[in-house]
C-alpha atoms as a PDB file:
ATOM      1  CA  MET A   1       0.000   0.000   0.000  1.00  0.00           C
ATOM      2  CA  LYS A   2       1.362   3.447  -0.951  1.00  0.00           C
ATOM      3  CA  ASN A   3       2.382   5.662   1.944  1.00  0.00           C
ATOM      4  CA  THR A   4       0.207   8.785   1.795  1.00  0.00           C
ATOM      5  CA  SER A   5       2.271  10.655   4.409  1.00  0.00           C
ATOM      6  CA  GLU A   6       4.505  12.011   1.640  1.00  0.00           C
ATOM      7  CA  ASN A   7       1.535  13.840   0.097  1.00  0.00           C
ATOM      8  CA  LYS A   8       0.242  15.217   3.359  1.00  0.00           C
ATOM      9  CA  VAL A   9       0.376  19.012   3.584  1.00  0.00           C
ATOM     10  CA  ASN A  10       1.863  20.524   6.722  1.00  0.00           C
ATOM     11  CA  TRP A  11      -0.769  23.241   7.091  1.00  0.00           C
ATOM     12  CA  PRO A  12       0.739  25.125  10.071  1.00  0.00           C
ATOM     13  CA  VAL A  13       4.047  25.552   8.240  1.00  0.00           C
ATOM     14  CA  THR A  14       2.269  26.392   4.974  1.00  0.00           C
ATOM     15  CA  ILE A  15       0.152  29.063   6.663  1.00  0.00           C
ATOM     16  CA  LEU A  16       3.230  30.563   8.311  1.00  0.00           C
ATOM     17  CA  LEU A  17       5.045  30.662   4.968  1.00  0.00           C
ATOM     18  CA  ILE A  18       2.087  32.367   3.279  1.00  0.00           C
ATOM     19  CA  ALA A  19       1.838  34.887   6.113  1.00  0.00           C
ATOM     20  CA  GLY A  20       5.561  35.561   5.846  1.00  0.00           C
ATOM     21  CA  LEU A  21       5.288  36.059   2.087  1.00  0.00           C
ATOM     22  CA  ILE A  22       2.447  38.540   2.521  1.00  0.00           C
ATOM     23  CA  THR A  23       4.367  40.379   5.233  1.00  0.00           C
ATOM     24  CA  ILE A  24       7.315  40.826   2.867  1.00  0.00           C
ATOM     25  CA  ALA A  25       5.423  41.397  -0.380  1.00  0.00           C
ATOM     26  CA  PHE A  26       2.860  43.921   0.906  1.00  0.00           C
ATOM     27  CA  PRO A  27       5.337  46.679   1.930  1.00  0.00           C
ATOM     28  CA  LEU A  28       7.230  46.171  -1.342  1.00  0.00           C
ATOM     29  CA  TYR A  29       4.007  46.491  -3.352  1.00  0.00           C
ATOM     30  CA  LEU A  30       3.040  49.611  -1.406  1.00  0.00           C
ATOM     31  CA  THR A  31       6.464  51.137  -1.994  1.00  0.00           C
ATOM     32  CA  ILE A  32       6.320  50.556  -5.755  1.00  0.00           C
ATOM     33  CA  VAL A  33       2.743  51.851  -6.083  1.00  0.00           C
ATOM     34  CA  ILE A  34       3.394  55.039  -4.091  1.00  0.00           C
ATOM     35  CA  ALA A  35       6.649  55.679  -5.970  1.00  0.00           C
ATOM     36  CA  LEU A  36       4.751  55.615  -9.275  1.00  0.00           C
ATOM     37  CA  LYS A  37       1.881  57.822  -8.122  1.00  0.00           C
ATOM     38  CA  GLN A  38       1.643  61.581  -8.303  1.00  0.00           C
ATOM     39  CA  PRO A  39       1.082  63.549  -5.053  1.00  0.00           C
ATOM     40  CA  SER A  40      -2.443  64.419  -6.243  1.00  0.00           C
ATOM     41  CA  GLU A  41      -3.325  60.703  -6.252  1.00  0.00           C
ATOM     42  CA  MET A  42      -2.377  60.230  -2.606  1.00  0.00           C
ATOM     43  CA  THR A  43      -5.380  59.791  -0.324  1.00  0.00           C
ATOM     44  CA  THR A  44      -5.852  58.872   3.309  1.00  0.00           C
ATOM     45  CA  THR A  45      -8.146  55.937   2.529  1.00  0.00           C
ATOM     46  CA  ILE A  46      -6.878  52.365   2.377  1.00  0.00           C
ATOM     47  CA  SER A  47      -8.323  51.806  -1.080  1.00  0.00           C
ATOM     48  CA  GLY A  48      -6.636  54.965  -2.329  1.00  0.00           C
ATOM     49  CA  LEU A  49      -3.260  53.865  -1.027  1.00  0.00           C
ATOM     50  CA  LEU A  50      -3.530  50.349  -2.432  1.00  0.00           C
ATOM     51  CA  SER A  51      -4.916  51.311  -5.832  1.00  0.00           C
ATOM     52  CA  LEU A  52      -2.665  51.366  -8.869  1.00  0.00           C
ATOM     53  CA  PRO A  53      -1.582  54.749 -10.259  1.00  0.00           C
ATOM     54  CA  LYS A  54      -3.785  56.251 -12.953  1.00  0.00           C
ATOM     55  CA  THR A  55      -0.791  56.797 -15.217  1.00  0.00           C
ATOM     56  CA  PHE A  56       2.598  55.114 -14.922  1.00  0.00           C
ATOM     57  CA  SER A  57       5.362  57.719 -14.827  1.00  0.00           C
ATOM     58  CA  LEU A  58       9.006  57.736 -13.788  1.00  0.00           C
ATOM     59  CA  ALA A  59       8.921  61.449 -12.964  1.00  0.00           C
ATOM     60  CA  ASN A  60       9.232  60.750  -9.237  1.00  0.00           C
ATOM     61  CA  PHE A  61      12.424  58.767  -9.779  1.00  0.00           C
ATOM     62  CA  LYS A  62      13.965  61.556 -11.852  1.00  0.00           C
ATOM     63  CA  GLU A  63      13.104  64.201  -9.258  1.00  0.00           C
ATOM     64  CA  ALA A  64      14.280  61.982  -6.404  1.00  0.00           C
ATOM     65  CA  MET A  65      17.660  61.593  -8.115  1.00  0.00           C
ATOM     66  CA  GLU A  66      17.964  65.372  -8.392  1.00  0.00           C
ATOM     67  CA  VAL A  67      16.952  66.055  -4.784  1.00  0.00           C
ATOM     68  CA  THR A  68      19.378  63.485  -3.349  1.00  0.00           C
ATOM     69  CA  ASP A  69      22.229  64.262  -5.783  1.00  0.00           C
ATOM     70  CA  PHE A  70      21.901  60.570  -6.541  1.00  0.00           C
ATOM     71  CA  TRP A  71      25.139  59.803  -8.355  1.00  0.00           C
ATOM     72  CA  HIS A  72      27.308  61.595  -5.814  1.00  0.00           C
ATOM     73  CA  SER A  73      25.518  59.959  -2.879  1.00  0.00           C
ATOM     74  CA  LEU A  74      25.604  56.582  -4.631  1.00  0.00           C
ATOM     75  CA  GLY A  75      29.349  56.935  -5.154  1.00  0.00           C
ATOM     76  CA  ASN A  76      29.904  57.644  -1.445  1.00  0.00           C
ATOM     77  CA  SER A  77      27.753  54.679  -0.422  1.00  0.00           C
ATOM     78  CA  LEU A  78      29.544  52.372  -2.857  1.00  0.00           C
ATOM     79  CA  LEU A  79      32.939  53.587  -1.668  1.00  0.00           C
ATOM     80  CA  LEU A  80      32.153  53.167   2.036  1.00  0.00           C
ATOM     81  CA  THR A  81      30.503  49.789   1.528  1.00  0.00           C
ATOM     82  CA  GLY A  82      33.146  48.427  -0.847  1.00  0.00           C
ATOM     83  CA  VAL A  83      36.118  49.421   1.304  1.00  0.00           C
ATOM     84  CA  THR A  84      34.413  48.204   4.492  1.00  0.00           C
ATOM     85  CA  VAL A  85      33.533  44.812   2.996  1.00  0.00           C
ATOM     86  CA  THR A  86      37.039  44.325   1.584  1.00  0.00           C
ATOM     87  CA  LEU A  87      38.795  45.231   4.830  1.00  0.00           C
ATOM     88  CA  SER A  88      36.350  43.143   6.854  1.00  0.00           C
ATOM     89  CA  ILE A  89      36.937  40.018   4.778  1.00  0.00           C
ATOM     90  CA  VAL A  90      40.724  40.378   4.903  1.00  0.00           C
ATOM     91  CA  LEU A  91      41.193  41.457   8.531  1.00  0.00           C
ATOM     92  CA  HIS A  92      38.378  39.517  10.168  1.00  0.00           C
ATOM     93  CA  SER A  93      39.306  36.278   8.400  1.00  0.00           C
ATOM     94  CA  LEU A  94      42.887  36.677   9.646  1.00  0.00           C
ATOM     95  CA  ILE A  95      41.712  37.330  13.197  1.00  0.00           C
ATOM     96  CA  GLY A  96      39.209  34.474  13.007  1.00  0.00           C
ATOM     97  CA  TYR A  97      41.903  32.125  11.727  1.00  0.00           C
ATOM     98  CA  ALA A  98      44.353  33.054  14.489  1.00  0.00           C
ATOM     99  CA  ILE A  99      41.718  32.678  17.185  1.00  0.00           C
ATOM    100  CA  GLY A 100      40.039  29.585  15.723  1.00  0.00           C
ATOM    101  CA  ARG A 101      43.267  27.584  15.489  1.00  0.00           C
ATOM    102  CA  ASN A 102      44.611  28.633  18.904  1.00  0.00           C
ATOM    103  CA  ARG A 103      41.528  29.077  21.045  1.00  0.00           C
ATOM    104  CA  GLY A 104      41.561  25.528  22.372  1.00  0.00           C
ATOM    105  CA  LYS A 105      45.291  25.612  23.089  1.00  0.00           C
ATOM    106  CA  SER A 106      45.680  28.955  24.842  1.00  0.00           C
ATOM    107  CA  LYS A 107      43.678  30.787  27.484  1.00  0.00           C
ATOM    108  CA  PHE A 108      44.933  34.044  26.022  1.00  0.00           C
ATOM    109  CA  TYR A 109      43.276  33.402  22.648  1.00  0.00           C
ATOM    110  CA  ASN A 110      40.126  32.227  24.398  1.00  0.00           C
ATOM    111  CA  PHE A 111      40.037  35.506  26.341  1.00  0.00           C
ATOM    112  CA  ILE A 112      40.604  37.523  23.138  1.00  0.00           C
ATOM    113  CA  TYR A 113      37.767  35.620  21.461  1.00  0.00           C
ATOM    114  CA  LEU A 114      35.340  36.328  24.306  1.00  0.00           C
ATOM    115  CA  TYR A 115      36.477  39.950  24.469  1.00  0.00           C
ATOM    116  CA  ILE A 116      35.878  40.553  20.759  1.00  0.00           C
ATOM    117  CA  VAL A 117      32.539  38.713  20.635  1.00  0.00           C
ATOM    118  CA  SER A 118      31.297  40.613  23.689  1.00  0.00           C
ATOM    119  CA  GLY A 119      31.338  43.719  21.485  1.00  0.00           C
ATOM    120  CA  MET A 120      28.037  42.530  19.974  1.00  0.00           C
ATOM    121  CA  PHE A 121      26.294  43.421  23.222  1.00  0.00           C
ATOM    122  CA  VAL A 122      27.424  47.060  23.298  1.00  0.00           C
ATOM    123  CA  PRO A 123      24.726  49.335  21.810  1.00  0.00           C
ATOM    124  CA  PHE A 124      25.792  52.071  19.414  1.00  0.00           C
ATOM    125  CA  ALA A 125      23.992  54.713  21.495  1.00  0.00           C
ATOM    126  CA  ILE A 126      26.599  54.292  24.243  1.00  0.00           C
ATOM    127  CA  LEU A 127      29.504  54.665  21.819  1.00  0.00           C
ATOM    128  CA  MET A 128      28.081  57.480  19.704  1.00  0.00           C
ATOM    129  CA  MET A 129      29.179  60.573  21.613  1.00  0.00           C
ATOM    130  CA  PRO A 130      32.692  59.301  22.505  1.00  0.00           C
ATOM    131  CA  LEU A 131      33.203  58.303  18.862  1.00  0.00           C
ATOM    132  CA  VAL A 132      32.170  61.730  17.606  1.00  0.00           C
ATOM    133  CA  LYS A 133      34.635  63.448  19.940  1.00  0.00           C
ATOM    134  CA  GLN A 134      37.518  61.029  19.327  1.00  0.00           C
ATOM    135  CA  THR A 135      37.207  60.986  15.533  1.00  0.00           C
ATOM    136  CA  ALA A 136      37.117  64.791  15.486  1.00  0.00           C
ATOM    137  CA  GLN A 137      40.207  65.067  17.698  1.00  0.00           C
ATOM    138  CA  ILE A 138      42.348  62.699  15.601  1.00  0.00           C
ATOM    139  CA  GLY A 139      41.191  64.034  12.235  1.00  0.00           C
ATOM    140  CA  LEU A 140      38.980  61.095  11.268  1.00  0.00           C
ATOM    141  CA  ALA A 141      35.647  62.916  11.054  1.00  0.00           C
ATOM    142  CA  ASN A 142      35.400  61.846   7.422  1.00  0.00           C
ATOM    143  CA  ARG A 143      34.842  58.782   5.247  1.00  0.00           C
ATOM    144  CA  ALA A 144      38.012  57.093   6.521  1.00  0.00           C
ATOM    145  CA  GLY A 145      36.737  57.388  10.093  1.00  0.00           C
ATOM    146  CA  VAL A 146      33.373  55.914   9.113  1.00  0.00           C
ATOM    147  CA  VAL A 147      35.070  52.945   7.425  1.00  0.00           C
ATOM    148  CA  LEU A 148      37.279  52.397  10.471  1.00  0.00           C
ATOM    149  CA  CYS A 149      34.227  52.399  12.744  1.00  0.00           C
ATOM    150  CA  TYR A 150      32.407  49.935  10.501  1.00  0.00           C
ATOM    151  CA  VAL A 151      35.356  47.531  10.466  1.00  0.00           C
ATOM    152  CA  VAL A 152      35.389  47.566  14.266  1.00  0.00           C
ATOM    153  CA  PHE A 153      31.587  47.373  14.649  1.00  0.00           C
ATOM    154  CA  TYR A 154      31.254  44.263  12.468  1.00  0.00           C
ATOM    155  CA  MET A 155      34.311  42.526  13.872  1.00  0.00           C
ATOM    156  CA  PRO A 156      32.506  40.605  16.667  1.00  0.00           C
ATOM    157  CA  MET A 157      29.962  38.904  14.402  1.00  0.00           C
ATOM    158  CA  ASN A 158      32.429  38.256  11.597  1.00  0.00           C
ATOM    159  CA  VAL A 159      35.087  36.789  13.890  1.00  0.00           C
ATOM    160  CA  LEU A 160      32.407  34.562  15.420  1.00  0.00           C
ATOM    161  CA  LEU A 161      31.447  33.296  11.962  1.00  0.00           C
ATOM    162  CA  TYR A 162      35.003  32.815  10.701  1.00  0.00           C
ATOM    163  CA  SER A 163      36.296  31.032  13.797  1.00  0.00           C
ATOM    164  CA  GLY A 164      33.252  28.746  13.757  1.00  0.00           C
ATOM    165  CA  TYR A 165      33.651  27.964  10.062  1.00  0.00           C
ATOM    166  CA  LEU A 166      37.288  26.967  10.578  1.00  0.00           C
ATOM    167  CA  LYS A 167      36.125  23.909  12.504  1.00  0.00           C
ATOM    168  CA  ASN A 168      34.893  22.525   9.181  1.00  0.00           C
ATOM    169  CA  ILE A 169      38.370  22.780   7.645  1.00  0.00           C
ATOM    170  CA  PRO A 170      40.631  19.814   8.538  1.00  0.00           C
ATOM    171  CA  ILE A 171      43.857  20.860  10.188  1.00  0.00           C
ATOM    172  CA  ALA A 172      45.544  18.109   8.185  1.00  0.00           C
ATOM    173  CA  LEU A 173      45.579  20.462   5.195  1.00  0.00           C
ATOM    174  CA  GLU A 174      47.760  22.908   7.111  1.00  0.00           C
ATOM    175  CA  GLU A 175      49.993  20.124   8.407  1.00  0.00           C
ATOM    176  CA  ALA A 176      50.534  18.892   4.848  1.00  0.00           C
ATOM    177  CA  ALA A 177      51.393  22.420   3.716  1.00  0.00           C
ATOM    178  CA  CYS A 178      53.836  22.757   6.611  1.00  0.00           C
ATOM    179  CA  VAL A 179      55.564  19.533   5.563  1.00  0.00           C
ATOM    180  CA  ASP A 180      55.916  20.988   2.062  1.00  0.00           C
ATOM    181  CA  GLY A 181      57.676  24.017   3.526  1.00  0.00           C
ATOM    182  CA  ALA A 182      54.831  26.563   3.574  1.00  0.00           C
ATOM    183  CA  GLY A 183      54.729  29.004   6.450  1.00  0.00           C
ATOM    184  CA  THR A 184      51.621  30.132   8.340  1.00  0.00           C
ATOM    185  CA  TRP A 185      51.133  33.196   6.155  1.00  0.00           C
ATOM    186  CA  LYS A 186      51.402  31.295   2.885  1.00  0.00           C
ATOM    187  CA  THR A 187      49.224  28.469   4.184  1.00  0.00           C
ATOM    188  CA  PHE A 188      46.454  30.871   5.076  1.00  0.00           C
ATOM    189  CA  TRP A 189      46.394  32.736   1.762  1.00  0.00           C
ATOM    190  CA  THR A 190      46.865  29.742  -0.541  1.00  0.00           C
ATOM    191  CA  ILE A 191      44.784  27.107   1.276  1.00  0.00           C
ATOM    192  CA  ILE A 192      42.552  28.413   4.063  1.00  0.00           C
ATOM    193  CA  PHE A 193      41.408  31.729   2.548  1.00  0.00           C
ATOM    194  CA  PRO A 194      40.091  30.181  -0.714  1.00  0.00           C
ATOM    195  CA  ILE A 195      38.330  27.375   1.197  1.00  0.00           C
ATOM    196  CA  MET A 196      36.435  29.944   3.262  1.00  0.00           C
ATOM    197  CA  LYS A 197      34.691  31.314   0.149  1.00  0.00           C
ATOM    198  CA  PRO A 198      31.135  30.567   1.445  1.00  0.00           C
ATOM    199  CA  MET A 199      31.893  32.441   4.647  1.00  0.00           C
ATOM    200  CA  HIS A 200      33.417  35.328   2.711  1.00  0.00           C
ATOM    201  CA  ALA A 201      30.128  35.673   0.818  1.00  0.00           C
ATOM    202  CA  THR A 202      28.137  35.560   4.056  1.00  0.00           C
ATOM    203  CA  VAL A 203      30.322  38.159   5.757  1.00  0.00           C
ATOM    204  CA  ALA A 204      30.261  40.336   2.643  1.00  0.00           C
ATOM    205  CA  VAL A 205      26.460  40.385   2.451  1.00  0.00           C
ATOM    206  CA  LEU A 206      25.871  40.913   6.173  1.00  0.00           C
ATOM    207  CA  THR A 207      28.471  43.677   6.351  1.00  0.00           C
ATOM    208  CA  ALA A 208      27.291  45.311   3.127  1.00  0.00           C
ATOM    209  CA  LEU A 209      23.648  45.331   4.253  1.00  0.00           C
ATOM    210  CA  GLY A 210      24.507  46.958   7.554  1.00  0.00           C
ATOM    211  CA  THR A 211      26.865  49.506   5.995  1.00  0.00           C
ATOM    212  CA  TRP A 212      24.612  50.372   3.048  1.00  0.00           C
ATOM    213  CA  ASN A 213      21.528  51.032   5.185  1.00  0.00           C
ATOM    214  CA  ASP A 214      23.231  52.735   8.112  1.00  0.00           C
ATOM    215  CA  VAL A 215      22.269  56.320   8.871  1.00  0.00           C
ATOM    216  CA  MET A 216      23.589  57.114  12.325  1.00  0.00           C
ATOM    217  CA  THR A 217      27.322  56.507  11.867  1.00  0.00           C
ATOM    218  CA  PRO A 218      27.772  58.746   8.795  1.00  0.00           C
ATOM    219  CA  LEU A 219      25.343  61.269  10.276  1.00  0.00           C
ATOM    220  CA  VAL A 220      27.259  61.820  13.520  1.00  0.00           C
ATOM    221  CA  ILE A 221      30.801  61.460  12.120  1.00  0.00           C
ATOM    222  CA  MET A 222      30.584  63.108   8.669  1.00  0.00           C
ATOM    223  CA  SER A 223      28.149  65.840   9.682  1.00  0.00           C
ATOM    224  CA  GLY A 224      29.055  69.088   7.947  1.00  0.00           C
ATOM    225  CA  THR A 225      31.455  67.535   5.417  1.00  0.00           C
ATOM    226  CA  GLY A 226      28.934  67.512   2.566  1.00  0.00           C
ATOM    227  CA  GLN A 227      29.715  63.859   1.846  1.00  0.00           C
ATOM    228  CA  ASN A 228      26.242  62.338   1.955  1.00  0.00           C
ATOM    229  CA  THR A 229      25.491  58.659   1.578  1.00  0.00           C
ATOM    230  CA  LEU A 230      22.164  57.563   0.089  1.00  0.00           C
ATOM    231  CA  PRO A 231      20.436  57.079   3.487  1.00  0.00           C
ATOM    232  CA  LEU A 232      21.639  60.530   4.579  1.00  0.00           C
ATOM    233  CA  ALA A 233      20.497  62.150   1.349  1.00  0.00           C
ATOM    234  CA  GLN A 234      17.063  60.587   1.763  1.00  0.00           C
ATOM    235  CA  LEU A 235      16.560  62.600   4.937  1.00  0.00           C
ATOM    236  CA  ASN A 236      15.875  65.551   2.611  1.00  0.00           C
ATOM    237  CA  PHE A 237      12.381  64.180   2.031  1.00  0.00           C
ATOM    238  CA  GLN A 238      11.496  64.608   5.701  1.00  0.00           C
ATOM    239  CA  THR A 239      10.779  68.165   6.730  1.00  0.00           C
ATOM    240  CA  GLN A 240       9.300  69.864   9.760  1.00  0.00           C
ATOM    241  CA  PHE A 241       5.925  69.959   8.059  1.00  0.00           C
ATOM    242  CA  GLY A 242       5.726  66.465   6.577  1.00  0.00           C
ATOM    243  CA  THR A 243       7.249  63.889   4.264  1.00  0.00           C
ATOM    244  CA  ASN A 244       7.089  63.663   0.482  1.00  0.00           C
ATOM    245  CA  TYR A 245       6.303  59.974   0.333  1.00  0.00           C
ATOM    246  CA  ASN A 246       6.200  59.751  -3.456  1.00  0.00           C
ATOM    247  CA  LEU A 247       9.774  60.980  -3.875  1.00  0.00           C
ATOM    248  CA  ALA A 248      10.972  59.188  -0.753  1.00  0.00           C
ATOM    249  CA  PHE A 249       9.671  55.797  -1.864  1.00  0.00           C
ATOM    250  CA  ALA A 250      11.090  56.298  -5.349  1.00  0.00           C
ATOM    251  CA  SER A 251      14.461  57.034  -3.789  1.00  0.00           C
ATOM    252  CA  TYR A 252      14.193  53.955  -1.556  1.00  0.00           C
ATOM    253  CA  LEU A 253      13.678  51.756  -4.598  1.00  0.00           C
ATOM    254  CA  LEU A 254      16.688  53.284  -6.343  1.00  0.00           C
ATOM    255  CA  ALA A 255      18.817  52.655  -3.247  1.00  0.00           C
ATOM    256  CA  LEU A 256      17.536  49.080  -3.000  1.00  0.00           C
ATOM    257  CA  LEU A 257      18.717  47.984  -6.451  1.00  0.00           C
ATOM    258  CA  PRO A 258      22.536  47.905  -5.922  1.00  0.00           C
ATOM    259  CA  ILE A 259      22.423  45.943  -2.673  1.00  0.00           C
ATOM    260  CA  LEU A 260      19.766  43.604  -4.111  1.00  0.00           C
ATOM    261  CA  ILE A 261      21.994  42.826  -7.103  1.00  0.00           C
ATOM    262  CA  PHE A 262      24.933  42.205  -4.758  1.00  0.00           C
ATOM    263  CA  TYR A 263      22.844  39.829  -2.665  1.00  0.00           C
ATOM    264  CA  LEU A 264      21.682  37.878  -5.722  1.00  0.00           C
ATOM    265  CA  ILE A 265      25.290  37.406  -6.809  1.00  0.00           C
ATOM    266  CA  CYS A 266      26.350  36.031  -3.416  1.00  0.00           C
ATOM    267  CA  GLN A 267      23.190  34.144  -2.404  1.00  0.00           C
ATOM    268  CA  LYS A 268      24.434  30.688  -3.465  1.00  0.00           C
ATOM    269  CA  GLN A 269      27.228  30.823  -0.918  1.00  0.00           C
ATOM    270  CA  ILE A 270      25.352  32.446   1.968  1.00  0.00           C
ATOM    271  CA  LEU A 271      23.305  29.540   3.322  1.00  0.00           C
ATOM    272  CA  ASN A 272      26.279  27.180   3.409  1.00  0.00           C
ATOM    273  CA  GLY A 273      28.384  29.778   5.141  1.00  0.00           C
ATOM    274  CA  VAL A 274      25.813  30.597   7.836  1.00  0.00           C
ATOM    275  CA  VAL A 275      24.952  26.969   8.596  1.00  0.00           C
ATOM    276  CA  ASN A 276      28.568  25.826   8.824  1.00  0.00           C
ATOM    277  CA  GLY A 277      29.851  28.867  10.645  1.00  0.00           C
ATOM    278  CA  ALA A 278      27.213  29.974  13.090  1.00  0.00           C
ATOM    279  CA  VAL A 279      26.207  26.706  14.746  1.00  0.00           C
ATOM    280  CA  LYS A 280      29.598  25.200  15.404  1.00  0.00           C
END
């Protein structure tokens, strides 16, 4: 007799998945619809908000690009995100490798690991004012200071992921390289670093998402420099008397595209990296 359990639908899980899909899709639909509407079409009724625009026009996107100085702001966001992701992958993988291979042998490395990871529990609000003062005093109230802060902020999570992922890499590979005459530095760059490709993709996406969408760090450190990122430029849509939602939502969609493309490129490696690195 054929087992019918394979065809049985798990309704609780299915309902949760549908609810999750609606939760994600509804705000995206609302964003697209409002971005395509003219201000005259905006109403306070639910049906008015959900209805499709009478005429499809990209005028809001064009105006939003002018208001936010889009290409200049995009360049700053790309620069900050790109440099932060690159430095994070290089430095945090080195730190994770040093800690992951020595943590079980030395109390010192175990202490360093716990010290770095404990940084995840420190809220930015506590660090904000000291950072503003310190970066100003040492001449880092600029893009370089923001990148430096990002590299430090994302170090705890990234070191946790890298050191956990190293447990999936047999130490025999390094022993074989040592027998062949390779030093620690060469072994890391030629063997370990390429093997950690899934974790590199995971770290890159997590770091890029946080950096790309961050408002507070550039706001408090680069204030007055005129170097706006996209999130900072989008604050122009919020005034004392209200918010221009049509232009704001159009700008949000424009800012979403680069990071969405980056995520799609790296998505194949992300799941493997998170599963192997975070639960070990």
